[in-house]
């Protein structure tokens, strides 16, 4: 696992997502790496949402956003 889903805040998670999108989709034009990393982010967000922790709702919101990004950019 690249991200430890238990120790990341929603703000940190959002920053990672922005960096992945900026670096691999827009700057490097590396769609394969973008898809792999975004799928990992999506799985991490789902796991955090399903955990029922204090940030579950925020991570649930990111699931929707990441899913939209992945679909629209591929």
N, C-alpha and C. Protein backbone atom coordinates (compact mmCIF):
# COMPACT_ATOMS: atom_id res chain seq x y z
N UNK A 1 0.84 -1.18 0.00
CA UNK A 1 0.00 0.00 0.00
C UNK A 1 0.88 1.24 0.00
N UNK A 2 0.64 2.15 -0.90
CA UNK A 2 1.41 3.38 -1.00
C UNK A 2 1.01 4.35 0.10
N UNK A 3 -0.27 4.55 0.29
CA UNK A 3 -0.77 5.44 1.34
C UNK A 3 -1.28 4.61 2.50
N UNK A 4 -0.94 5.02 3.71
CA UNK A 4 -1.50 4.37 4.88
C UNK A 4 -2.84 5.03 5.15
N UNK A 5 -3.91 4.35 4.81
CA UNK A 5 -5.24 4.95 4.89
C UNK A 5 -5.64 5.36 6.30
N UNK A 6 -4.97 4.85 7.29
CA UNK A 6 -5.33 5.16 8.69
C UNK A 6 -4.71 6.47 9.17
N UNK A 7 -3.69 6.96 8.51
CA UNK A 7 -2.96 8.12 9.02
C UNK A 7 -2.94 9.31 8.07
N UNK A 8 -3.91 9.42 7.21
CA UNK A 8 -3.92 10.55 6.28
C UNK A 8 -5.20 11.36 6.50
N UNK A 9 -5.04 12.66 6.51
CA UNK A 9 -6.20 13.54 6.68
C UNK A 9 -6.82 13.83 5.33
N UNK A 10 -8.06 14.26 5.31
CA UNK A 10 -8.68 14.61 4.03
C UNK A 10 -7.92 15.70 3.27
N UNK A 11 -7.35 16.67 3.97
CA UNK A 11 -6.59 17.73 3.30
C UNK A 11 -5.32 17.17 2.66
N UNK A 12 -4.62 16.31 3.36
CA UNK A 12 -3.42 15.68 2.80
C UNK A 12 -3.79 14.81 1.60
N UNK A 13 -4.87 14.09 1.73
CA UNK A 13 -5.33 13.22 0.66
C UNK A 13 -5.68 14.03 -0.59
N UNK A 14 -6.38 15.14 -0.40
CA UNK A 14 -6.73 16.00 -1.53
C UNK A 14 -5.48 16.54 -2.21
N UNK A 15 -4.47 16.88 -1.43
CA UNK A 15 -3.22 17.39 -2.00
C UNK A 15 -2.52 16.32 -2.83
N UNK A 16 -2.51 15.10 -2.34
CA UNK A 16 -1.91 14.00 -3.11
C UNK A 16 -2.65 13.83 -4.43
N UNK A 17 -3.98 13.85 -4.37
CA UNK A 17 -4.77 13.71 -5.60
C UNK A 17 -4.48 14.81 -6.60
N UNK A 18 -4.37 16.03 -6.12
CA UNK A 18 -4.05 17.15 -7.01
C UNK A 18 -2.66 16.99 -7.63
N UNK A 19 -1.71 16.53 -6.82
CA UNK A 19 -0.35 16.33 -7.33
C UNK A 19 -0.30 15.23 -8.39
N UNK A 20 -1.03 14.15 -8.17
CA UNK A 20 -1.08 13.05 -9.15
C UNK A 20 -1.65 13.57 -10.46
N UNK A 21 -2.78 14.27 -10.37
CA UNK A 21 -3.43 14.79 -11.57
C UNK A 21 -2.51 15.77 -12.30
N UNK A 22 -1.94 16.71 -11.58
CA UNK A 22 -1.08 17.74 -12.19
C UNK A 22 0.16 17.11 -12.83
N UNK A 23 0.82 16.23 -12.07
CA UNK A 23 2.09 15.68 -12.54
C UNK A 23 1.92 14.69 -13.68
N UNK A 24 1.07 13.68 -13.46
CA UNK A 24 1.03 12.58 -14.42
C UNK A 24 0.04 12.79 -15.57
N UNK A 25 -1.03 13.52 -15.34
CA UNK A 25 -1.98 13.74 -16.43
C UNK A 25 -1.60 14.98 -17.24
N UNK A 26 -1.39 16.10 -16.57
CA UNK A 26 -1.17 17.35 -17.29
C UNK A 26 0.27 17.57 -17.71
N UNK A 27 1.23 17.34 -16.82
CA UNK A 27 2.62 17.66 -17.14
C UNK A 27 3.32 16.55 -17.94
N UNK A 28 3.29 15.34 -17.44
CA UNK A 28 4.03 14.23 -18.09
C UNK A 28 3.24 13.53 -19.17
N UNK A 29 1.92 13.76 -19.20
CA UNK A 29 1.04 13.08 -20.17
C UNK A 29 1.19 11.56 -20.09
N UNK A 30 1.37 11.06 -18.86
CA UNK A 30 1.56 9.62 -18.60
C UNK A 30 0.24 9.04 -18.09
N UNK A 31 -0.63 8.71 -19.03
CA UNK A 31 -1.97 8.26 -18.69
C UNK A 31 -1.96 6.94 -17.91
N UNK A 32 -1.07 6.03 -18.25
CA UNK A 32 -1.02 4.74 -17.57
C UNK A 32 -0.72 4.92 -16.08
N UNK A 33 0.28 5.73 -15.77
CA UNK A 33 0.64 5.96 -14.36
C UNK A 33 -0.47 6.72 -13.66
N UNK A 34 -1.07 7.68 -14.34
CA UNK A 34 -2.19 8.44 -13.77
C UNK A 34 -3.32 7.49 -13.37
N UNK A 35 -3.67 6.57 -14.25
CA UNK A 35 -4.76 5.63 -13.97
C UNK A 35 -4.42 4.73 -12.79
N UNK A 36 -3.23 4.18 -12.76
CA UNK A 36 -2.84 3.30 -11.66
C UNK A 36 -2.89 4.05 -10.32
N UNK A 37 -2.30 5.23 -10.27
CA UNK A 37 -2.28 5.98 -9.02
C UNK A 37 -3.67 6.46 -8.61
N UNK A 38 -4.47 6.87 -9.55
CA UNK A 38 -5.82 7.33 -9.23
C UNK A 38 -6.69 6.17 -8.75
N UNK A 39 -6.51 4.99 -9.33
CA UNK A 39 -7.24 3.82 -8.84
C UNK A 39 -6.83 3.48 -7.41
N UNK A 40 -5.55 3.65 -7.10
CA UNK A 40 -5.10 3.43 -5.73
C UNK A 40 -5.71 4.48 -4.80
N UNK A 41 -5.73 5.72 -5.21
CA UNK A 41 -6.35 6.77 -4.41
C UNK A 41 -7.84 6.48 -4.19
N UNK A 42 -8.49 6.02 -5.23
CA UNK A 42 -9.90 5.68 -5.13
C UNK A 42 -10.12 4.55 -4.12
N UNK A 43 -9.29 3.52 -4.18
CA UNK A 43 -9.41 2.41 -3.23
C UNK A 43 -9.14 2.88 -1.80
N UNK A 44 -8.18 3.78 -1.63
CA UNK A 44 -7.87 4.32 -0.31
C UNK A 44 -9.04 5.14 0.22
N UNK A 45 -9.64 5.95 -0.64
CA UNK A 45 -10.79 6.76 -0.22
C UNK A 45 -11.97 5.87 0.17
N UNK A 46 -12.20 4.82 -0.60
CA UNK A 46 -13.29 3.89 -0.29
C UNK A 46 -13.04 3.21 1.05
N UNK A 47 -11.81 2.77 1.26
CA UNK A 47 -11.47 2.11 2.52
C UNK A 47 -11.66 3.05 3.71
N UNK A 48 -11.23 4.29 3.56
CA UNK A 48 -11.42 5.27 4.63
C UNK A 48 -12.90 5.57 4.85
N UNK A 49 -13.65 5.67 3.79
CA UNK A 49 -15.08 5.93 3.92
C UNK A 49 -15.78 4.78 4.64
N UNK A 50 -15.45 3.56 4.25
CA UNK A 50 -16.09 2.38 4.84
C UNK A 50 -15.64 2.10 6.27
N UNK A 51 -14.53 2.70 6.68
CA UNK A 51 -14.03 2.46 8.04
C UNK A 51 -14.92 3.09 9.10
N UNK A 52 -15.70 4.09 8.70
CA UNK A 52 -16.57 4.76 9.66
C UNK A 52 -15.83 5.68 10.60
N UNK A 53 -14.60 6.03 10.27
CA UNK A 53 -13.80 6.92 11.11
C UNK A 53 -14.32 8.34 11.09
N UNK A 54 -13.61 9.22 11.78
CA UNK A 54 -14.09 10.59 11.92
C UNK A 54 -14.09 11.36 10.60
N UNK A 55 -13.36 10.91 9.61
CA UNK A 55 -13.33 11.58 8.31
C UNK A 55 -14.05 10.77 7.22
N UNK A 56 -14.90 9.85 7.62
CA UNK A 56 -15.55 8.96 6.65
C UNK A 56 -16.32 9.74 5.59
N UNK A 57 -17.08 10.75 5.99
CA UNK A 57 -17.86 11.53 5.02
C UNK A 57 -16.96 12.25 4.02
N UNK A 58 -15.88 12.85 4.53
CA UNK A 58 -14.97 13.58 3.64
C UNK A 58 -14.35 12.65 2.59
N UNK A 59 -13.98 11.44 3.04
CA UNK A 59 -13.41 10.49 2.09
C UNK A 59 -14.47 9.96 1.13
N UNK A 60 -15.70 9.84 1.59
CA UNK A 60 -16.79 9.46 0.70
C UNK A 60 -16.99 10.48 -0.41
N UNK A 61 -16.86 11.77 -0.05
CA UNK A 61 -16.95 12.83 -1.05
C UNK A 61 -15.82 12.71 -2.07
N UNK A 62 -14.63 12.33 -1.62
CA UNK A 62 -13.48 12.18 -2.53
C UNK A 62 -13.69 11.00 -3.47
N UNK A 63 -14.40 9.96 -3.02
CA UNK A 63 -14.69 8.81 -3.90
C UNK A 63 -15.42 9.31 -5.14
N UNK A 64 -16.41 10.14 -4.94
CA UNK A 64 -17.18 10.67 -6.05
C UNK A 64 -16.30 11.52 -6.97
N UNK A 65 -15.50 12.38 -6.40
CA UNK A 65 -14.63 13.25 -7.19
C UNK A 65 -13.58 12.48 -7.97
N UNK A 66 -12.95 11.52 -7.32
CA UNK A 66 -11.92 10.73 -7.99
C UNK A 66 -12.51 9.88 -9.11
N UNK A 67 -13.69 9.32 -8.84
CA UNK A 67 -14.35 8.52 -9.87
C UNK A 67 -14.68 9.36 -11.10
N UNK A 68 -15.16 10.58 -10.87
CA UNK A 68 -15.46 11.48 -11.97
C UNK A 68 -14.17 11.83 -12.74
N UNK A 69 -13.11 12.18 -12.00
CA UNK A 69 -11.84 12.52 -12.66
C UNK A 69 -11.34 11.37 -13.52
N UNK A 70 -11.35 10.18 -12.96
CA UNK A 70 -10.86 9.01 -13.68
C UNK A 70 -11.67 8.78 -14.94
N UNK A 71 -12.98 8.87 -14.83
CA UNK A 71 -13.84 8.64 -15.99
C UNK A 71 -13.67 9.73 -17.05
N UNK A 72 -13.62 10.98 -16.61
CA UNK A 72 -13.57 12.06 -17.59
C UNK A 72 -12.20 12.19 -18.27
N UNK A 73 -11.15 11.77 -17.59
CA UNK A 73 -9.80 11.92 -18.16
C UNK A 73 -9.36 10.70 -18.94
N UNK A 74 -10.15 9.65 -18.91
CA UNK A 74 -9.78 8.46 -19.68
C UNK A 74 -10.88 8.15 -20.69
